[in-house]
PDB file of N, CA and C in Angstrom:
ATOM      1  N   MET A   1      72.641  10.640-169.149  1.00  0.00           N
ATOM      2  CA  MET A   1      71.608  10.335-168.097  1.00  0.00           C
ATOM      3  C   MET A   1      70.958  11.620-167.653  1.00  0.00           C
ATOM      4  N   ARG A   2      71.445  12.718-167.590  1.00  0.00           N
ATOM      5  CA  ARG A   2      70.792  13.883-167.298  1.00  0.00           C
ATOM      6  C   ARG A   2      69.808  14.266-168.522  1.00  0.00           C
ATOM      7  N   PHE A   3      70.044  13.859-169.746  1.00  0.00           N
ATOM      8  CA  PHE A   3      69.088  14.143-170.595  1.00  0.00           C
ATOM      9  C   PHE A   3      67.804  13.257-170.359  1.00  0.00           C
ATOM     10  N   LEU A   4      67.954  12.129-170.035  1.00  0.00           N
ATOM     11  CA  LEU A   4      66.809  11.147-169.720  1.00  0.00           C
ATOM     12  C   LEU A   4      65.983  11.765-168.411  1.00  0.00           C
ATOM     13  N   THR A   5      66.730  12.309-167.535  1.00  0.00           N
ATOM     14  CA  THR A   5      66.289  12.795-166.155  1.00  0.00           C
ATOM     15  C   THR A   5      65.384  13.945-166.691  1.00  0.00           C
ATOM     16  N   LEU A   6      65.916  14.940-167.430  1.00  0.00           N
ATOM     17  CA  LEU A   6      65.394  16.078-167.966  1.00  0.00           C
ATOM     18  C   LEU A   6      63.899  15.721-168.688  1.00  0.00           C
ATOM     19  N   LEU A   7      64.026  14.810-169.576  1.00  0.00           N
ATOM     20  CA  LEU A   7      63.051  14.248-170.412  1.00  0.00           C
ATOM     21  C   LEU A   7      61.987  13.706-169.723  1.00  0.00           C
ATOM     22  N   LEU A   8      62.205  13.093-168.497  1.00  0.00           N
ATOM     23  CA  LEU A   8      61.271  12.492-167.678  1.00  0.00           C
ATOM     24  C   LEU A   8      60.413  13.712-166.767  1.00  0.00           C
ATOM     25  N   TYR A   9      61.251  14.657-166.474  1.00  0.00           N
ATOM     26  CA  TYR A   9      60.587  15.821-165.625  1.00  0.00           C
ATOM     27  C   TYR A   9      59.826  16.376-166.578  1.00  0.00           C
ATOM     28  N   ILE A  10      60.151  16.755-167.816  1.00  0.00           N
ATOM     29  CA  ILE A  10      59.407  17.441-168.846  1.00  0.00           C
ATOM     30  C   ILE A  10      58.060  16.536-168.989  1.00  0.00           C
ATOM     31  N   PHE A  11      58.191  15.280-169.194  1.00  0.00           N
ATOM     32  CA  PHE A  11      57.084  14.445-169.542  1.00  0.00           C
ATOM     33  C   PHE A  11      56.021  14.493-168.379  1.00  0.00           C
ATOM     34  N   PHE A  12      56.550  14.260-167.115  1.00  0.00           N
ATOM     35  CA  PHE A  12      55.787  14.447-165.899  1.00  0.00           C
ATOM     36  C   PHE A  12      55.069  15.788-165.613  1.00  0.00           C
ATOM     37  N   GLY A  13      55.810  16.787-166.049  1.00  0.00           N
ATOM     38  CA  GLY A  13      55.213  18.074-165.904  1.00  0.00           C
ATOM     39  C   GLY A  13      53.940  18.420-166.916  1.00  0.00           C
ATOM     40  N   LEU A  14      54.339  17.864-168.160  1.00  0.00           N
ATOM     41  CA  LEU A  14      53.192  18.081-169.152  1.00  0.00           C
ATOM     42  C   LEU A  14      52.017  17.130-168.565  1.00  0.00           C
ATOM     43  N   LEU A  15      52.184  16.019-168.124  1.00  0.00           N
ATOM     44  CA  LEU A  15      51.104  14.999-167.596  1.00  0.00           C
ATOM     45  C   LEU A  15      50.251  15.770-166.481  1.00  0.00           C
ATOM     46  N   VAL A  16      51.065  16.337-165.750  1.00  0.00           N
ATOM     47  CA  VAL A  16      50.290  17.197-164.561  1.00  0.00           C
ATOM     48  C   VAL A  16      49.342  18.394-165.099  1.00  0.00           C
ATOM     49  N   VAL A  17      49.997  18.921-166.035  1.00  0.00           N
ATOM     50  CA  VAL A  17      49.408  20.142-166.785  1.00  0.00           C
ATOM     51  C   VAL A  17      48.198  19.781-167.539  1.00  0.00           C
ATOM     52  N   TRP A  18      48.344  18.665-168.221  1.00  0.00           N
ATOM     53  CA  TRP A  18      47.187  18.071-169.003  1.00  0.00           C
ATOM     54  C   TRP A  18      46.063  17.690-168.104  1.00  0.00           C
ATOM     55  N   PHE A  19      46.594  16.978-166.866  1.00  0.00           N
ATOM     56  CA  PHE A  19      45.518  16.424-166.084  1.00  0.00           C
ATOM     57  C   PHE A  19      44.674  17.599-165.341  1.00  0.00           C
ATOM     58  N   ALA A  20      45.526  18.570-164.996  1.00  0.00           N
ATOM     59  CA  ALA A  20      44.948  19.852-164.293  1.00  0.00           C
ATOM     60  C   ALA A  20      43.945  20.362-165.228  1.00  0.00           C
ATOM     61  N   SER A  21      44.454  20.521-166.498  1.00  0.00           N
ATOM     62  CA  SER A  21      43.352  21.227-167.435  1.00  0.00           C
ATOM     63  C   SER A  21      42.157  20.565-167.737  1.00  0.00           C
ATOM     64  N   GLN A  22      42.204  19.263-167.754  1.00  0.00           N
ATOM     65  CA  GLN A  22      41.130  18.409-167.875  1.00  0.00           C
ATOM     66  C   GLN A  22      40.145  18.550-166.700  1.00  0.00           C
ATOM     67  N   ASN A  23      40.556  18.918-165.598  1.00  0.00           N
ATOM     68  CA  ASN A  23      39.825  18.828-164.430  1.00  0.00           C
ATOM     69  C   ASN A  23      39.725  20.391-163.857  1.00  0.00           C
ATOM     70  N   TRP A  24      39.334  21.310-164.654  1.00  0.00           N
ATOM     71  CA  TRP A  24      39.317  22.688-164.278  1.00  0.00           C
ATOM     72  C   TRP A  24      37.927  23.069-163.865  1.00  0.00           C
ATOM     73  N   ASP A  25      37.101  22.299-163.270  1.00  0.00           N
ATOM     74  CA  ASP A  25      35.697  22.604-162.773  1.00  0.00           C
ATOM     75  C   ASP A  25      35.974  23.221-161.441  1.00  0.00           C
ATOM     76  N   ARG A  26      35.193  24.233-161.042  1.00  0.00           N
ATOM     77  CA  ARG A  26      35.319  24.936-159.951  1.00  0.00           C
ATOM     78  C   ARG A  26      34.748  23.690-158.790  1.00  0.00           C
ATOM     79  N   THR A  27      35.462  23.770-157.733  1.00  0.00           N
ATOM     80  CA  THR A  27      35.078  22.804-156.707  1.00  0.00           C
ATOM     81  C   THR A  27      35.179  23.517-155.172  1.00  0.00           C
ATOM     82  N   VAL A  28      34.612  23.146-154.181  1.00  0.00           N
ATOM     83  CA  VAL A  28      34.520  23.677-153.005  1.00  0.00           C
ATOM     84  C   VAL A  28      35.612  22.940-151.904  1.00  0.00           C
ATOM     85  N   LEU A  29      36.254  23.562-151.327  1.00  0.00           N
ATOM     86  CA  LEU A  29      37.101  23.028-150.343  1.00  0.00           C
ATOM     87  C   LEU A  29      36.701  23.740-148.985  1.00  0.00           C
ATOM     88  N   TRP A  30      36.453  22.812-148.091  1.00  0.00           N
ATOM     89  CA  TRP A  30      35.929  23.226-146.768  1.00  0.00           C
ATOM     90  C   TRP A  30      37.194  23.324-145.884  1.00  0.00           C
ATOM     91  N   LEU A  31      37.316  24.510-145.425  1.00  0.00           N
ATOM     92  CA  LEU A  31      38.539  24.742-144.588  1.00  0.00           C
ATOM     93  C   LEU A  31      38.069  24.816-142.932  1.00  0.00           C
ATOM     94  N   PRO A  32      38.840  24.611-142.075  1.00  0.00           N
ATOM     95  CA  PRO A  32      38.597  24.689-140.689  1.00  0.00           C
ATOM     96  C   PRO A  32      38.088  26.026-140.378  1.00  0.00           C
ATOM     97  N   GLY A  33      37.179  26.249-139.376  1.00  0.00           N
ATOM     98  CA  GLY A  33      36.607  27.633-138.858  1.00  0.00           C
ATOM     99  C   GLY A  33      35.463  27.874-139.806  1.00  0.00           C
ATOM    100  N   GLY A  34      34.890  26.952-140.613  1.00  0.00           N
ATOM    101  CA  GLY A  34      33.798  27.382-141.481  1.00  0.00           C
ATOM    102  C   GLY A  34      34.099  28.123-142.653  1.00  0.00           C
ATOM    103  N   TYR A  35      35.275  28.112-143.084  1.00  0.00           N
ATOM    104  CA  TYR A  35      35.679  28.894-144.344  1.00  0.00           C
ATOM    105  C   TYR A  35      35.487  27.886-145.565  1.00  0.00           C
ATOM    106  N   GLU A  36      35.411  28.445-146.837  1.00  0.00           N
ATOM    107  CA  GLU A  36      35.104  27.610-148.000  1.00  0.00           C
ATOM    108  C   GLU A  36      35.906  28.415-149.080  1.00  0.00           C
ATOM    109  N   ALA A  37      36.527  27.554-149.813  1.00  0.00           N
ATOM    110  CA  ALA A  37      37.437  28.004-151.091  1.00  0.00           C
ATOM    111  C   ALA A  37      36.832  27.458-152.219  1.00  0.00           C
ATOM    112  N   PHE A  38      36.459  28.385-153.094  1.00  0.00           N
ATOM    113  CA  PHE A  38      35.892  27.999-154.444  1.00  0.00           C
ATOM    114  C   PHE A  38      37.055  28.224-155.460  1.00  0.00           C
ATOM    115  N   TRP A  39      37.709  27.240-155.704  1.00  0.00           N
ATOM    116  CA  TRP A  39      38.831  27.139-156.692  1.00  0.00           C
ATOM    117  C   TRP A  39      38.703  26.216-157.723  1.00  0.00           C
ATOM    118  N   PRO A  40      39.284  26.364-158.843  1.00  0.00           N
ATOM    119  CA  PRO A  40      39.117  25.323-159.764  1.00  0.00           C
ATOM    120  C   PRO A  40      40.039  24.136-159.414  1.00  0.00           C
ATOM    121  N   LEU A  41      39.691  22.788-159.513  1.00  0.00           N
ATOM    122  CA  LEU A  41      40.266  21.705-159.195  1.00  0.00           C
ATOM    123  C   LEU A  41      41.900  21.565-159.492  1.00  0.00           C
ATOM    124  N   GLY A  42      42.163  22.209-160.684  1.00  0.00           N
ATOM    125  CA  GLY A  42      43.604  22.076-161.345  1.00  0.00           C
ATOM    126  C   GLY A  42      44.410  22.742-160.220  1.00  0.00           C
ATOM    127  N   VAL A  43      44.024  23.864-159.782  1.00  0.00           N
ATOM    128  CA  VAL A  43      44.617  24.672-158.745  1.00  0.00           C
ATOM    129  C   VAL A  43      45.021  23.897-157.614  1.00  0.00           C
ATOM    130  N   TYR A  44      43.988  23.152-157.076  1.00  0.00           N
ATOM    131  CA  TYR A  44      44.118  22.285-155.801  1.00  0.00           C
ATOM    132  C   TYR A  44      45.208  21.070-156.248  1.00  0.00           C
ATOM    133  N   ILE A  45      45.345  20.635-157.463  1.00  0.00           N
ATOM    134  CA  ILE A  45      46.022  19.645-158.013  1.00  0.00           C
ATOM    135  C   ILE A  45      47.420  20.110-157.851  1.00  0.00           C
ATOM    136  N   LEU A  46      47.723  21.210-158.334  1.00  0.00           N
ATOM    137  CA  LEU A  46      48.999  22.035-158.490  1.00  0.00           C
ATOM    138  C   LEU A  46      49.542  22.289-157.229  1.00  0.00           C
ATOM    139  N   VAL A  47      48.789  22.895-156.323  1.00  0.00           N
ATOM    140  CA  VAL A  47      49.140  23.173-154.875  1.00  0.00           C
ATOM    141  C   VAL A  47      49.578  21.813-154.209  1.00  0.00           C
ATOM    142  N   ALA A  48      48.900  20.846-154.283  1.00  0.00           N
ATOM    143  CA  ALA A  48      49.197  19.629-153.645  1.00  0.00           C
ATOM    144  C   ALA A  48      50.447  18.972-154.395  1.00  0.00           C
ATOM    145  N   LEU A  49      50.599  19.190-155.484  1.00  0.00           N
ATOM    146  CA  LEU A  49      51.929  18.745-156.163  1.00  0.00           C
ATOM    147  C   LEU A  49      53.110  19.541-155.528  1.00  0.00           C
ATOM    148  N   LEU A  50      53.037  20.697-155.448  1.00  0.00           N
ATOM    149  CA  LEU A  50      54.077  21.693-154.817  1.00  0.00           C
ATOM    150  C   LEU A  50      54.394  21.368-153.365  1.00  0.00           C
ATOM    151  N   ILE A  51      53.181  21.035-152.766  1.00  0.00           N
ATOM    152  CA  ILE A  51      53.490  20.854-151.371  1.00  0.00           C
ATOM    153  C   ILE A  51      54.143  19.565-151.003  1.00  0.00           C
ATOM    154  N   GLY A  52      53.760  18.485-151.970  1.00  0.00           N
ATOM    155  CA  GLY A  52      54.397  17.246-151.888  1.00  0.00           C
ATOM    156  C   GLY A  52      55.947  17.417-152.252  1.00  0.00           C
ATOM    157  N   LEU A  53      56.278  18.089-153.292  1.00  0.00           N
ATOM    158  CA  LEU A  53      57.622  18.317-153.779  1.00  0.00           C
ATOM    159  C   LEU A  53      58.643  19.108-152.609  1.00  0.00           C
ATOM    160  N   LEU A  54      57.905  20.004-151.941  1.00  0.00           N
ATOM    161  CA  LEU A  54      58.715  20.875-150.990  1.00  0.00           C
ATOM    162  C   LEU A  54      59.619  20.156-150.107  1.00  0.00           C
ATOM    163  N   PRO A  55      59.038  19.034-149.284  1.00  0.00           N
ATOM    164  CA  PRO A  55      59.999  18.310-148.475  1.00  0.00           C
ATOM    165  C   PRO A  55      61.070  17.468-149.049  1.00  0.00           C
ATOM    166  N   MET A  56      60.800  16.973-150.118  1.00  0.00           N
ATOM    167  CA  MET A  56      61.878  16.221-150.908  1.00  0.00           C
ATOM    168  C   MET A  56      62.863  17.086-151.447  1.00  0.00           C
ATOM    169  N   THR A  57      62.616  18.400-151.813  1.00  0.00           N
ATOM    170  CA  THR A  57      63.587  19.406-152.315  1.00  0.00           C
ATOM    171  C   THR A  57      64.430  19.758-151.340  1.00  0.00           C
ATOM    172  N   LEU A  58      63.793  20.113-150.062  1.00  0.00           N
ATOM    173  CA  LEU A  58      64.542  20.457-149.078  1.00  0.00           C
ATOM    174  C   LEU A  58      65.531  19.672-148.462  1.00  0.00           C
ATOM    175  N   LEU A  59      64.971  18.206-148.422  1.00  0.00           N
ATOM    176  CA  LEU A  59      66.053  17.050-148.134  1.00  0.00           C
ATOM    177  C   LEU A  59      66.898  16.961-148.923  1.00  0.00           C
ATOM    178  N   HIS A  60      66.716  17.008-150.302  1.00  0.00           N
ATOM    179  CA  HIS A  60      67.700  16.941-151.244  1.00  0.00           C
ATOM    180  C   HIS A  60      68.778  18.187-151.373  1.00  0.00           C
ATOM    181  N   SER A  61      68.308  19.198-150.897  1.00  0.00           N
ATOM    182  CA  SER A  61      69.167  20.437-150.985  1.00  0.00           C
ATOM    183  C   SER A  61      70.104  20.338-149.731  1.00  0.00           C
ATOM    184  N   VAL A  62      69.536  19.804-148.426  1.00  0.00           N
ATOM    185  CA  VAL A  62      70.480  19.737-147.270  1.00  0.00           C
ATOM    186  C   VAL A  62      71.351  18.633-147.419  1.00  0.00           C
ATOM    187  N   THR A  63      71.043  17.471-148.161  1.00  0.00           N
ATOM    188  CA  THR A  63      72.046  16.379-148.377  1.00  0.00           C
ATOM    189  C   THR A  63      73.116  16.646-149.194  1.00  0.00           C
ATOM    190  N   ARG A  64      72.782  17.563-150.119  1.00  0.00           N
ATOM    191  CA  ARG A  64      73.764  18.019-151.095  1.00  0.00           C
ATOM    192  C   ARG A  64      74.761  18.870-150.317  1.00  0.00           C
ATOM    193  N   TRP A  65      74.289  19.953-149.652  1.00  0.00           N
ATOM    194  CA  TRP A  65      74.912  20.751-148.816  1.00  0.00           C
ATOM    195  C   TRP A  65      75.775  19.757-148.022  1.00  0.00           C
ATOM    196  N   ARG A  66      75.389  19.003-147.135  1.00  0.00           N
ATOM    197  CA  ARG A  66      76.104  18.433-146.179  1.00  0.00           C
ATOM    198  C   ARG A  66      77.301  17.545-146.882  1.00  0.00           C
ATOM    199  N   LEU A  67      77.045  16.883-147.909  1.00  0.00           N
ATOM    200  CA  LEU A  67      77.984  16.260-148.736  1.00  0.00           C
ATOM    201  C   LEU A  67      79.056  17.065-149.275  1.00  0.00           C
ATOM    202  N   LYS A  68      78.851  18.401-149.705  1.00  0.00           N
ATOM    203  CA  LYS A  68      79.709  19.357-150.311  1.00  0.00           C
ATOM    204  C   LYS A  68      80.624  19.779-149.238  1.00  0.00           C
ATOM    205  N   ARG A  69      79.989  19.851-148.111  1.00  0.00           N
ATOM    206  CA  ARG A  69      81.024  20.465-147.005  1.00  0.00           C
ATOM    207  C   ARG A  69      81.930  19.229-146.307  1.00  0.00           C
ATOM    208  N   LYS A  70      81.329  18.054-146.537  1.00  0.00           N
ATOM    209  CA  LYS A  70      82.305  16.966-146.187  1.00  0.00           C
ATOM    210  C   LYS A  70      83.336  16.631-147.223  1.00  0.00           C
ATOM    211  N   ILE A  71      83.042  16.905-148.601  1.00  0.00           N
ATOM    212  CA  ILE A  71      84.205  16.775-149.502  1.00  0.00           C
ATOM    213  C   ILE A  71      85.189  17.902-149.459  1.00  0.00           C
ATOM    214  N   ARG A  72      84.696  19.124-149.125  1.00  0.00           N
ATOM    215  CA  ARG A  72      85.650  20.188-148.942  1.00  0.00           C
ATOM    216  C   ARG A  72      86.516  19.986-147.932  1.00  0.00           C
ATOM    217  N   LYS A  73      85.954  19.290-146.642  1.00  0.00           N
ATOM    218  CA  LYS A  73      86.631  19.039-145.451  1.00  0.00           C
ATOM    219  C   LYS A  73      87.776  18.044-145.719  1.00  0.00           C
ATOM    220  N   LEU A  74      87.428  17.108-146.448  1.00  0.00           N
ATOM    221  CA  LEU A  74      88.265  16.024-146.928  1.00  0.00           C
ATOM    222  C   LEU A  74      89.501  16.404-147.884  1.00  0.00           C
ATOM    223  N   GLU A  75      88.965  17.344-148.762  1.00  0.00           N
ATOM    224  CA  GLU A  75      89.930  18.060-149.617  1.00  0.00           C
ATOM    225  C   GLU A  75      90.849  18.873-148.914  1.00  0.00           C
ATOM    226  N   ARG A  76      90.511  19.562-147.776  1.00  0.00           N
ATOM    227  CA  ARG A  76      91.527  20.345-147.084  1.00  0.00           C
ATOM    228  C   ARG A  76      92.446  19.573-146.414  1.00  0.00           C
ATOM    229  N   ARG A  77      91.928  18.326-145.773  1.00  0.00           N
ATOM    230  CA  ARG A  77      92.672  17.563-145.001  1.00  0.00           C
ATOM    231  C   ARG A  77      93.782  16.689-145.848  1.00  0.00           C
ATOM    232  N   LEU A  78      93.300  16.469-147.125  1.00  0.00           N
ATOM    233  CA  LEU A  78      94.316  15.885-147.993  1.00  0.00           C
ATOM    234  C   LEU A  78      95.293  16.684-148.368  1.00  0.00           C
ATOM    235  N   GLU A  79      95.093  18.107-148.621  1.00  0.00           N
ATOM    236  CA  GLU A  79      95.851  19.048-149.070  1.00  0.00           C
ATOM    237  C   GLU A  79      96.845  19.236-147.929  1.00  0.00           C
ATOM    238  N   LEU A  80      96.347  19.434-146.762  1.00  0.00           N
ATOM    239  CA  LEU A  80      97.584  19.493-145.517  1.00  0.00           C
ATOM    240  C   LEU A  80      98.208  18.239-145.400  1.00  0.00           C
ATOM    241  N   GLU A  81      97.783  17.073-145.502  1.00  0.00           N
ATOM    242  CA  GLU A  81      98.670  16.063-145.380  1.00  0.00           C
ATOM    243  C   GLU A  81      99.866  15.911-146.455  1.00  0.00           C
ATOM    244  N   THR A  82      99.436  16.321-147.722  1.00  0.00           N
ATOM    245  CA  THR A  82     100.145  16.051-148.759  1.00  0.00           C
ATOM    246  C   THR A  82     101.411  17.270-148.840  1.00  0.00           C
ATOM    247  N   SER A  83     100.991  18.460-148.260  1.00  0.00           N
ATOM    248  CA  SER A  83     101.654  19.518-148.119  1.00  0.00           C
ATOM    249  C   SER A  83     102.617  19.955-146.933  1.00  0.00           C
ATOM    250  N   GLY A  84     102.216  19.051-146.158  1.00  0.00           N
ATOM    251  CA  GLY A  84     102.783  19.280-144.687  1.00  0.00           C
ATOM    252  C   GLY A  84     104.362  18.826-144.572  1.00  0.00           C
ATOM    253  N   PRO A  85     104.941  18.998-143.341  1.00  0.00           N
ATOM    254  CA  PRO A  85     106.337  18.509-143.372  1.00  0.00           C
ATOM    255  C   PRO A  85     106.468  16.876-143.417  1.00  0.00           C
ATOM    256  N   GLY A  86     105.604  16.157-142.938  1.00  0.00           N
ATOM    257  CA  GLY A  86     105.560  14.666-143.010  1.00  0.00           C
ATOM    258  C   GLY A  86     105.172  14.257-144.387  1.00  0.00           C
ATOM    259  N   ALA A  87     105.164  14.969-145.497  1.00  0.00           N
ATOM    260  CA  ALA A  87     104.753  14.659-146.797  1.00  0.00           C
ATOM    261  C   ALA A  87     105.520  13.507-147.155  1.00  0.00           C
ATOM    262  N   PRO A  88     104.776  12.505-147.889  1.00  0.00           N
ATOM    263  CA  PRO A  88     105.482  11.482-148.558  1.00  0.00           C
ATOM    264  C   PRO A  88     106.503  11.691-149.679  1.00  0.00           C
ATOM    265  N   ALA A  89     107.352  10.898-149.704  1.00  0.00           N
ATOM    266  CA  ALA A  89     108.563  11.216-150.712  1.00  0.00           C
ATOM    267  C   ALA A  89     107.977  11.194-152.237  1.00  0.00           C
ATOM    268  N   PRO A  90     108.470  11.933-153.204  1.00  0.00           N
ATOM    269  CA  PRO A  90     107.966  11.836-154.446  1.00  0.00           C
ATOM    270  C   PRO A  90     108.210  10.452-155.030  1.00  0.00           C
ATOM    271  N   ALA A  91     107.543  10.246-156.118  1.00  0.00           N
ATOM    272  CA  ALA A  91     107.665   8.847-156.716  1.00  0.00           C
ATOM    273  C   ALA A  91     108.950   8.583-157.305  1.00  0.00           C
ATOM    274  N   HIS A  92     109.750   9.516-157.707  1.00  0.00           N
ATOM    275  CA  HIS A  92     111.092   9.332-158.230  1.00  0.00           C
ATOM    276  C   HIS A  92     112.182   9.280-157.303  1.00  0.00           C
ATOM    277  N   ALA A  93     111.737   9.342-155.963  1.00  0.00           N
ATOM    278  CA  ALA A  93     112.867   9.505-155.096  1.00  0.00           C
ATOM    279  C   ALA A  93     113.341   7.862-154.740  1.00  0.00           C
ATOM    280  N   PRO A  94     114.472   7.700-154.232  1.00  0.00           N
ATOM    281  CA  PRO A  94     114.984   6.430-153.999  1.00  0.00           C
ATOM    282  C   PRO A  94     114.219   5.649-152.850  1.00  0.00           C
ATOM    283  N   ALA A  95     113.900   4.442-152.861  1.00  0.00           N
ATOM    284  CA  ALA A  95     113.256   3.760-152.013  1.00  0.00           C
ATOM    285  C   ALA A  95     113.830   3.548-150.675  1.00  0.00           C
ATOM    286  N   SER A  96     113.232   3.652-149.419  1.00  0.00           N
ATOM    287  CA  SER A  96     113.679   3.676-148.192  1.00  0.00           C
ATOM    288  C   SER A  96     114.364   2.164-148.049  1.00  0.00           C
ATOM    289  N   SER A  97     115.170   2.237-146.768  1.00  0.00           N
ATOM    290  CA  SER A  97     115.837   0.976-146.536  1.00  0.00           C
ATOM    291  C   SER A  97     114.820  -0.188-146.224  1.00  0.00           C
ATOM    292  N   ALA A  98     113.585   0.176-145.777  1.00  0.00           N
ATOM    293  CA  ALA A  98     112.677  -0.876-145.513  1.00  0.00           C
ATOM    294  C   ALA A  98     112.333  -1.722-146.774  1.00  0.00           C
ATOM    295  N   ALA A  99     112.579  -0.865-148.053  1.00  0.00           N
ATOM    296  CA  ALA A  99     112.352  -1.971-149.300  1.00  0.00           C
ATOM    297  C   ALA A  99     113.447  -2.909-149.704  1.00  0.00           C
ATOM    298  N   THR A 100     114.691  -2.562-149.176  1.00  0.00           N
ATOM    299  CA  THR A 100     115.770  -3.316-149.456  1.00  0.00           C
ATOM    300  C   THR A 100     115.619  -4.738-149.239  1.00  0.00           C
ATOM    301  N   PRO A 101     116.136  -5.753-149.938  1.00  0.00           N
ATOM    302  CA  PRO A 101     115.941  -7.185-149.541  1.00  0.00           C
ATOM    303  C   PRO A 101     116.672  -7.432-148.303  1.00  0.00           C
ATOM    304  N   ARG A 102     116.188  -8.392-147.531  1.00  0.00           N
ATOM    305  CA  ARG A 102     117.037  -8.672-146.199  1.00  0.00           C
ATOM    306  C   ARG A 102     117.426 -10.202-146.318  1.00  0.00           C
ATOM    307  N   PRO A 103     118.208 -10.750-145.821  1.00  0.00           N
ATOM    308  CA  PRO A 103     118.535 -12.117-145.691  1.00  0.00           C
ATOM    309  C   PRO A 103     117.429 -12.852-145.011  1.00  0.00           C
ATOM    310  N   GLU A 104     117.518 -14.376-145.437  1.00  0.00           N
ATOM    311  CA  GLU A 104     116.364 -15.198-144.908  1.00  0.00           C
ATOM    312  C   GLU A 104     116.640 -15.220-143.370  1.00  0.00           C
ATOM    313  N   GLY A 105     115.626 -15.323-142.652  1.00  0.00           N
ATOM    314  CA  GLY A 105     115.603 -15.306-141.297  1.00  0.00           C
ATOM    315  C   GLY A 105     115.615 -14.200-140.336  1.00  0.00           C
ATOM    316  N   GLU A 106     116.055 -13.059-141.001  1.00  0.00           N
ATOM    317  CA  GLU A 106     116.270 -11.976-140.345  1.00  0.00           C
ATOM    318  C   GLU A 106     114.802 -11.126-140.220  1.00  0.00           C
ATOM    319  N   PRO A 107     114.297 -10.800-139.102  1.00  0.00           N
ATOM    320  CA  PRO A 107     113.139 -10.358-138.973  1.00  0.00           C
ATOM    321  C   PRO A 107     112.967  -8.871-139.752  1.00  0.00           C
ATOM    322  N   ALA A 108     111.840  -8.397-139.914  1.00  0.00           N
ATOM    323  CA  ALA A 108     111.840  -7.104-140.696  1.00  0.00           C
ATOM    324  C   ALA A 108     112.038  -5.839-139.748  1.00  0.00           C
ATOM    325  N   THR A 109     111.739  -6.125-138.421  1.00  0.00           N
ATOM    326  CA  THR A 109     112.270  -5.097-137.326  1.00  0.00           C
ATOM    327  C   THR A 109     113.045  -5.835-136.327  1.00  0.00           C
ATOM    328  N   ARG A 110     114.015  -4.949-135.836  1.00  0.00           N
ATOM    329  CA  ARG A 110     114.695  -5.572-134.816  1.00  0.00           C
ATOM    330  C   ARG A 110     114.084  -5.351-133.498  1.00  0.00           C
ATOM    331  N   PRO A 111     114.033  -6.347-132.504  1.00  0.00           N
ATOM    332  CA  PRO A 111     113.410  -6.040-131.212  1.00  0.00           C
ATOM    333  C   PRO A 111     114.328  -4.891-130.414  1.00  0.00           C
ATOM    334  N   ALA A 112     113.634  -4.214-129.603  1.00  0.00           N
ATOM    335  CA  ALA A 112     114.132  -3.189-128.791  1.00  0.00           C
ATOM    336  C   ALA A 112     115.098  -3.847-127.797  1.00  0.00           C
ATOM    337  N   SER A 113     116.333  -3.438-127.726  1.00  0.00           N
ATOM    338  CA  SER A 113     117.268  -3.911-126.662  1.00  0.00           C
ATOM    339  C   SER A 113     116.815  -3.344-125.259  1.00  0.00           C
ATOM    340  N   PRO A 114     116.679  -4.347-124.231  1.00  0.00           N
ATOM    341  CA  PRO A 114     116.252  -3.900-122.907  1.00  0.00           C
ATOM    342  C   PRO A 114     117.122  -2.858-122.432  1.00  0.00           C
ATOM    343  N   SER A 115     116.661  -1.883-121.767  1.00  0.00           N
ATOM    344  CA  SER A 115     117.670  -0.886-121.022  1.00  0.00           C
ATOM    345  C   SER A 115     117.538  -0.972-119.544  1.00  0.00           C
ATOM    346  N   LEU A 116     118.619  -1.260-118.954  1.00  0.00           N
ATOM    347  CA  LEU A 116     118.971  -1.514-117.764  1.00  0.00           C
ATOM    348  C   LEU A 116     119.698  -0.318-116.806  1.00  0.00           C
TER     349      LEU A 116
END
């Protein structure tokens, strides 16, 4: 899947470079304040592409960072739960008395006796 993604990025990049090279005529960009920029149209295309990619790249980076933090937090909590004093018994340990069969009609837990 990563190979296909890389192939798609390469194809898209080549398509943008080809399109920009075919439109390399000098054009005027009127800026606020009466300024004018005389650059090739390909430069405007590439700048617009980079400006469009910037927010999504930042969003993706922040999302990955948050997910990695969450994974590390959950891994630490899991490690503490499995290595702490209340750790579950190993798989080869004998089963507890709750797993032993009980006679018919006997409840799984006994009701607490009233203390007077």
